[in-house]
Amino acid sequence: MAMTREDYEKKRRRLEADAADAKAAYNRARALYDGICDELRNLRIDWNEQQKTDRATEK
């Protein structure tokens, strides 16, 4: 069965809406991921600084 112009337009609109929703979800997930990576980096930095301070006070 051939696709009508109406079928095409309906499917195109749905796919464009789905793509826009997916892009928004991707951007939210990317921002969350970037924030978690920043927290991990800061945690490692804080831990390393604490370890240096602890070693310096032990001497």
PDB file of N, CA and C in Angstrom:
ATOM      1  N   MET A   1       0.837  -1.184   0.000  1.00  0.00           N
ATOM      2  CA  MET A   1       0.000   0.000   0.000  1.00  0.00           C
ATOM      3  C   MET A   1       0.880   1.243   0.000  1.00  0.00           C
ATOM      4  N   ALA A   2       0.621   2.126  -0.885  1.00  0.00           N
ATOM      5  CA  ALA A   2       1.416   3.346  -1.015  1.00  0.00           C
ATOM      6  C   ALA A   2       1.062   4.327   0.105  1.00  0.00           C
ATOM      7  N   MET A   3       2.042   5.111   0.468  1.00  0.00           N
ATOM      8  CA  MET A   3       1.846   6.124   1.498  1.00  0.00           C
ATOM      9  C   MET A   3       1.230   7.374   0.864  1.00  0.00           C
ATOM     10  N   THR A   4       0.239   7.910   1.518  1.00  0.00           N
ATOM     11  CA  THR A   4      -0.375   9.144   1.022  1.00  0.00           C
ATOM     12  C   THR A   4       0.402  10.338   1.559  1.00  0.00           C
ATOM     13  N   ARG A   5       0.163  11.474   0.965  1.00  0.00           N
ATOM     14  CA  ARG A   5       0.796  12.714   1.438  1.00  0.00           C
ATOM     15  C   ARG A   5       0.431  12.971   2.904  1.00  0.00           C
ATOM     16  N   GLU A   6      -0.824  12.686   3.244  1.00  0.00           N
ATOM     17  CA  GLU A   6      -1.284  12.875   4.626  1.00  0.00           C
ATOM     18  C   GLU A   6      -0.538  11.949   5.588  1.00  0.00           C
ATOM     19  N   ASP A   7      -0.374  10.677   5.176  1.00  0.00           N
ATOM     20  CA  ASP A   7       0.382   9.725   5.997  1.00  0.00           C
ATOM     21  C   ASP A   7       1.818  10.207   6.190  1.00  0.00           C
ATOM     22  N   TYR A   8       2.416  10.644   5.098  1.00  0.00           N
ATOM     23  CA  TYR A   8       3.787  11.147   5.148  1.00  0.00           C
ATOM     24  C   TYR A   8       3.902  12.317   6.121  1.00  0.00           C
ATOM     25  N   GLU A   9       3.034  13.302   5.996  1.00  0.00           N
ATOM     26  CA  GLU A   9       3.093  14.490   6.850  1.00  0.00           C
ATOM     27  C   GLU A   9       2.873  14.129   8.319  1.00  0.00           C
ATOM     28  N   LYS A  10       1.931  13.236   8.572  1.00  0.00           N
ATOM     29  CA  LYS A  10       1.646  12.811   9.941  1.00  0.00           C
ATOM     30  C   LYS A  10       2.867  12.133  10.559  1.00  0.00           C
ATOM     31  N   LYS A  11       3.465  11.220   9.802  1.00  0.00           N
ATOM     32  CA  LYS A  11       4.640  10.506  10.314  1.00  0.00           C
ATOM     33  C   LYS A  11       5.830  11.450  10.471  1.00  0.00           C
ATOM     34  N   ARG A  12       6.013  12.367   9.524  1.00  0.00           N
ATOM     35  CA  ARG A  12       7.118  13.325   9.610  1.00  0.00           C
ATOM     36  C   ARG A  12       6.982  14.200  10.855  1.00  0.00           C
ATOM     37  N   ARG A  13       5.773  14.698  11.119  1.00  0.00           N
ATOM     38  CA  ARG A  13       5.548  15.532  12.307  1.00  0.00           C
ATOM     39  C   ARG A  13       5.824  14.756  13.592  1.00  0.00           C
ATOM     40  N   ARG A  14       5.381  13.508  13.620  1.00  0.00           N
ATOM     41  CA  ARG A  14       5.615  12.678  14.806  1.00  0.00           C
ATOM     42  C   ARG A  14       7.105  12.439  15.016  1.00  0.00           C
ATOM     43  N   LEU A  15       7.810  12.116  13.946  1.00  0.00           N
ATOM     44  CA  LEU A  15       9.246  11.870  14.056  1.00  0.00           C
ATOM     45  C   LEU A  15      10.007  13.134  14.446  1.00  0.00           C
ATOM     46  N   GLU A  16       9.608  14.273  13.902  1.00  0.00           N
ATOM     47  CA  GLU A  16      10.261  15.526  14.285  1.00  0.00           C
ATOM     48  C   GLU A  16      10.035  15.828  15.761  1.00  0.00           C
ATOM     49  N   ALA A  17       8.822  15.573  16.257  1.00  0.00           N
ATOM     50  CA  ALA A  17       8.534  15.783  17.678  1.00  0.00           C
ATOM     51  C   ALA A  17       9.341  14.811  18.534  1.00  0.00           C
ATOM     52  N   ASP A  18       9.407  13.551  18.108  1.00  0.00           N
ATOM     53  CA  ASP A  18      10.198  12.556  18.838  1.00  0.00           C
ATOM     54  C   ASP A  18      11.673  12.944  18.856  1.00  0.00           C
ATOM     55  N   ALA A  19      12.178  13.428  17.735  1.00  0.00           N
ATOM     56  CA  ALA A  19      13.580  13.838  17.659  1.00  0.00           C
ATOM     57  C   ALA A  19      13.843  15.022  18.590  1.00  0.00           C
ATOM     58  N   ALA A  20      12.928  15.978  18.630  1.00  0.00           N
ATOM     59  CA  ALA A  20      13.095  17.132  19.517  1.00  0.00           C
ATOM     60  C   ALA A  20      13.081  16.691  20.978  1.00  0.00           C
ATOM     61  N   ASP A  21      12.177  15.781  21.336  1.00  0.00           N
ATOM     62  CA  ASP A  21      12.125  15.259  22.706  1.00  0.00           C
ATOM     63  C   ASP A  21      13.410  14.511  23.052  1.00  0.00           C
ATOM     64  N   ALA A  22      13.888  13.704  22.126  1.00  0.00           N
ATOM     65  CA  ALA A  22      15.111  12.936  22.363  1.00  0.00           C
ATOM     66  C   ALA A  22      16.312  13.861  22.521  1.00  0.00           C
ATOM     67  N   LYS A  23      16.374  14.909  21.720  1.00  0.00           N
ATOM     68  CA  LYS A  23      17.485  15.855  21.827  1.00  0.00           C
ATOM     69  C   LYS A  23      17.457  16.563  23.175  1.00  0.00           C
ATOM     70  N   ALA A  24      16.275  16.953  23.632  1.00  0.00           N
ATOM     71  CA  ALA A  24      16.157  17.599  24.941  1.00  0.00           C
ATOM     72  C   ALA A  24      16.586  16.640  26.054  1.00  0.00           C
ATOM     73  N   ALA A  25      16.172  15.381  25.967  1.00  0.00           N
ATOM     74  CA  ALA A  25      16.562  14.385  26.963  1.00  0.00           C
ATOM     75  C   ALA A  25      18.072  14.165  26.932  1.00  0.00           C
ATOM     76  N   TYR A  26      18.643  14.109  25.746  1.00  0.00           N
ATOM     77  CA  TYR A  26      20.091  13.955  25.605  1.00  0.00           C
ATOM     78  C   TYR A  26      20.821  15.127  26.254  1.00  0.00           C
ATOM     79  N   ASN A  27      20.356  16.333  26.003  1.00  0.00           N
ATOM     80  CA  ASN A  27      21.013  17.506  26.578  1.00  0.00           C
ATOM     81  C   ASN A  27      20.923  17.509  28.099  1.00  0.00           C
ATOM     82  N   ARG A  28      19.778  17.094  28.645  1.00  0.00           N
ATOM     83  CA  ARG A  28      19.648  17.003  30.107  1.00  0.00           C
ATOM     84  C   ARG A  28      20.594  15.942  30.658  1.00  0.00           C
ATOM     85  N   ALA A  29      20.656  14.798  29.993  1.00  0.00           N
ATOM     86  CA  ALA A  29      21.535  13.719  30.443  1.00  0.00           C
ATOM     87  C   ALA A  29      22.998  14.140  30.350  1.00  0.00           C
ATOM     88  N   ARG A  30      23.356  14.841  29.293  1.00  0.00           N
ATOM     89  CA  ARG A  30      24.739  15.294  29.127  1.00  0.00           C
ATOM     90  C   ARG A  30      25.116  16.280  30.228  1.00  0.00           C
ATOM     91  N   ALA A  31      24.208  17.188  30.560  1.00  0.00           N
ATOM     92  CA  ALA A  31      24.472  18.151  31.631  1.00  0.00           C
ATOM     93  C   ALA A  31      24.630  17.429  32.971  1.00  0.00           C
ATOM     94  N   LEU A  32      23.795  16.434  33.222  1.00  0.00           N
ATOM     95  CA  LEU A  32      23.906  15.654  34.453  1.00  0.00           C
ATOM     96  C   LEU A  32      25.234  14.908  34.490  1.00  0.00           C
ATOM     97  N   TYR A  33      25.600  14.272  33.389  1.00  0.00           N
ATOM     98  CA  TYR A  33      26.868  13.547  33.293  1.00  0.00           C
ATOM     99  C   TYR A  33      28.051  14.485  33.538  1.00  0.00           C
ATOM    100  N   ASP A  34      28.029  15.646  32.903  1.00  0.00           N
ATOM    101  CA  ASP A  34      29.116  16.607  33.090  1.00  0.00           C
ATOM    102  C   ASP A  34      29.218  17.039  34.547  1.00  0.00           C
ATOM    103  N   GLY A  35      28.083  17.244  35.202  1.00  0.00           N
ATOM    104  CA  GLY A  35      28.087  17.626  36.613  1.00  0.00           C
ATOM    105  C   GLY A  35      28.673  16.535  37.494  1.00  0.00           C
ATOM    106  N   ILE A  36      28.310  15.288  37.216  1.00  0.00           N
ATOM    107  CA  ILE A  36      28.850  14.166  37.985  1.00  0.00           C
ATOM    108  C   ILE A  36      30.354  14.054  37.774  1.00  0.00           C
ATOM    109  N   CYS A  37      30.814  14.226  36.551  1.00  0.00           N
ATOM    110  CA  CYS A  37      32.256  14.180  36.270  1.00  0.00           C
ATOM    111  C   CYS A  37      32.985  15.290  37.021  1.00  0.00           C
ATOM    112  N   ASP A  38      32.401  16.475  37.076  1.00  0.00           N
ATOM    113  CA  ASP A  38      33.000  17.578  37.837  1.00  0.00           C
ATOM    114  C   ASP A  38      33.095  17.220  39.314  1.00  0.00           C
ATOM    115  N   GLU A  39      32.033  16.641  39.865  1.00  0.00           N
ATOM    116  CA  GLU A  39      32.049  16.245  41.274  1.00  0.00           C
ATOM    117  C   GLU A  39      33.116  15.192  41.539  1.00  0.00           C
ATOM    118  N   LEU A  40      33.244  14.217  40.635  1.00  0.00           N
ATOM    119  CA  LEU A  40      34.273  13.185  40.796  1.00  0.00           C
ATOM    120  C   LEU A  40      35.674  13.790  40.769  1.00  0.00           C
ATOM    121  N   ARG A  41      35.899  14.700  39.828  1.00  0.00           N
ATOM    122  CA  ARG A  41      37.203  15.355  39.739  1.00  0.00           C
ATOM    123  C   ARG A  41      37.497  16.128  41.021  1.00  0.00           C
ATOM    124  N   ASN A  42      36.527  16.897  41.488  1.00  0.00           N
ATOM    125  CA  ASN A  42      36.724  17.680  42.706  1.00  0.00           C
ATOM    126  C   ASN A  42      36.946  16.788  43.917  1.00  0.00           C
ATOM    127  N   LEU A  43      36.250  15.654  43.975  1.00  0.00           N
ATOM    128  CA  LEU A  43      36.443  14.712  45.069  1.00  0.00           C
ATOM    129  C   LEU A  43      37.871  14.178  45.069  1.00  0.00           C
ATOM    130  N   ARG A  44      38.375  13.801  43.887  1.00  0.00           N
ATOM    131  CA  ARG A  44      39.757  13.304  43.801  1.00  0.00           C
ATOM    132  C   ARG A  44      40.752  14.379  44.227  1.00  0.00           C
ATOM    133  N   ILE A  45      40.534  15.608  43.782  1.00  0.00           N
ATOM    134  CA  ILE A  45      41.428  16.711  44.145  1.00  0.00           C
ATOM    135  C   ILE A  45      41.411  16.923  45.651  1.00  0.00           C
ATOM    136  N   ASP A  46      40.212  16.984  46.238  1.00  0.00           N
ATOM    137  CA  ASP A  46      40.092  17.176  47.689  1.00  0.00           C
ATOM    138  C   ASP A  46      40.767  16.045  48.452  1.00  0.00           C
ATOM    139  N   TRP A  47      40.567  14.818  47.987  1.00  0.00           N
ATOM    140  CA  TRP A  47      41.161  13.663  48.652  1.00  0.00           C
ATOM    141  C   TRP A  47      42.687  13.730  48.590  1.00  0.00           C
ATOM    142  N   ASN A  48      43.218  14.029  47.413  1.00  0.00           N
ATOM    143  CA  ASN A  48      44.670  14.116  47.271  1.00  0.00           C
ATOM    144  C   ASN A  48      45.248  15.224  48.139  1.00  0.00           C
ATOM    145  N   GLU A  49      44.584  16.359  48.207  1.00  0.00           N
ATOM    146  CA  GLU A  49      45.059  17.452  49.058  1.00  0.00           C
ATOM    147  C   GLU A  49      45.014  17.052  50.528  1.00  0.00           C
ATOM    148  N   GLN A  50      43.965  16.350  50.923  1.00  0.00           N
ATOM    149  CA  GLN A  50      43.856  15.892  52.311  1.00  0.00           C
ATOM    150  C   GLN A  50      44.979  14.916  52.634  1.00  0.00           C
ATOM    151  N   GLN A  51      45.270  14.011  51.705  1.00  0.00           N
ATOM    152  CA  GLN A  51      46.328  13.034  51.940  1.00  0.00           C
ATOM    153  C   GLN A  51      47.687  13.717  52.071  1.00  0.00           C
ATOM    154  N   LYS A  52      47.936  14.736  51.254  1.00  0.00           N
ATOM    155  CA  LYS A  52      49.193  15.487  51.359  1.00  0.00           C
ATOM    156  C   LYS A  52      49.292  16.176  52.709  1.00  0.00           C
ATOM    157  N   THR A  53      48.200  16.767  53.160  1.00  0.00           N
ATOM    158  CA  THR A  53      48.177  17.457  54.453  1.00  0.00           C
ATOM    159  C   THR A  53      48.391  16.465  55.586  1.00  0.00           C
ATOM    160  N   ASP A  54      47.725  15.310  55.513  1.00  0.00           N
ATOM    161  CA  ASP A  54      47.875  14.293  56.551  1.00  0.00           C
ATOM    162  C   ASP A  54      49.312  13.792  56.618  1.00  0.00           C
ATOM    163  N   ARG A  55      49.945  13.571  55.475  1.00  0.00           N
ATOM    164  CA  ARG A  55      51.334  13.097  55.460  1.00  0.00           C
ATOM    165  C   ARG A  55      52.274  14.164  56.010  1.00  0.00           C
ATOM    166  N   ALA A  56      51.998  15.418  55.712  1.00  0.00           N
ATOM    167  CA  ALA A  56      52.852  16.510  56.184  1.00  0.00           C
ATOM    168  C   ALA A  56      52.762  16.656  57.699  1.00  0.00           C
ATOM    169  N   THR A  57      51.601  16.433  58.282  1.00  0.00           N
ATOM    170  CA  THR A  57      51.453  16.576  59.735  1.00  0.00           C
ATOM    171  C   THR A  57      51.969  15.360  60.478  1.00  0.00           C
ATOM    172  N   GLU A  58      52.130  14.222  59.805  1.00  0.00           N
ATOM    173  CA  GLU A  58      52.657  13.021  60.448  1.00  0.00           C
ATOM    174  C   GLU A  58      54.158  13.110  60.650  1.00  0.00           C
ATOM    175  N   LYS A  59      54.825  13.942  59.868  1.00  0.00           N
ATOM    176  CA  LYS A  59      56.292  14.013  59.934  1.00  0.00           C
ATOM    177  C   LYS A  59      56.759  14.813  61.111  1.00  0.00           C
TER     178      LYS A  59
END
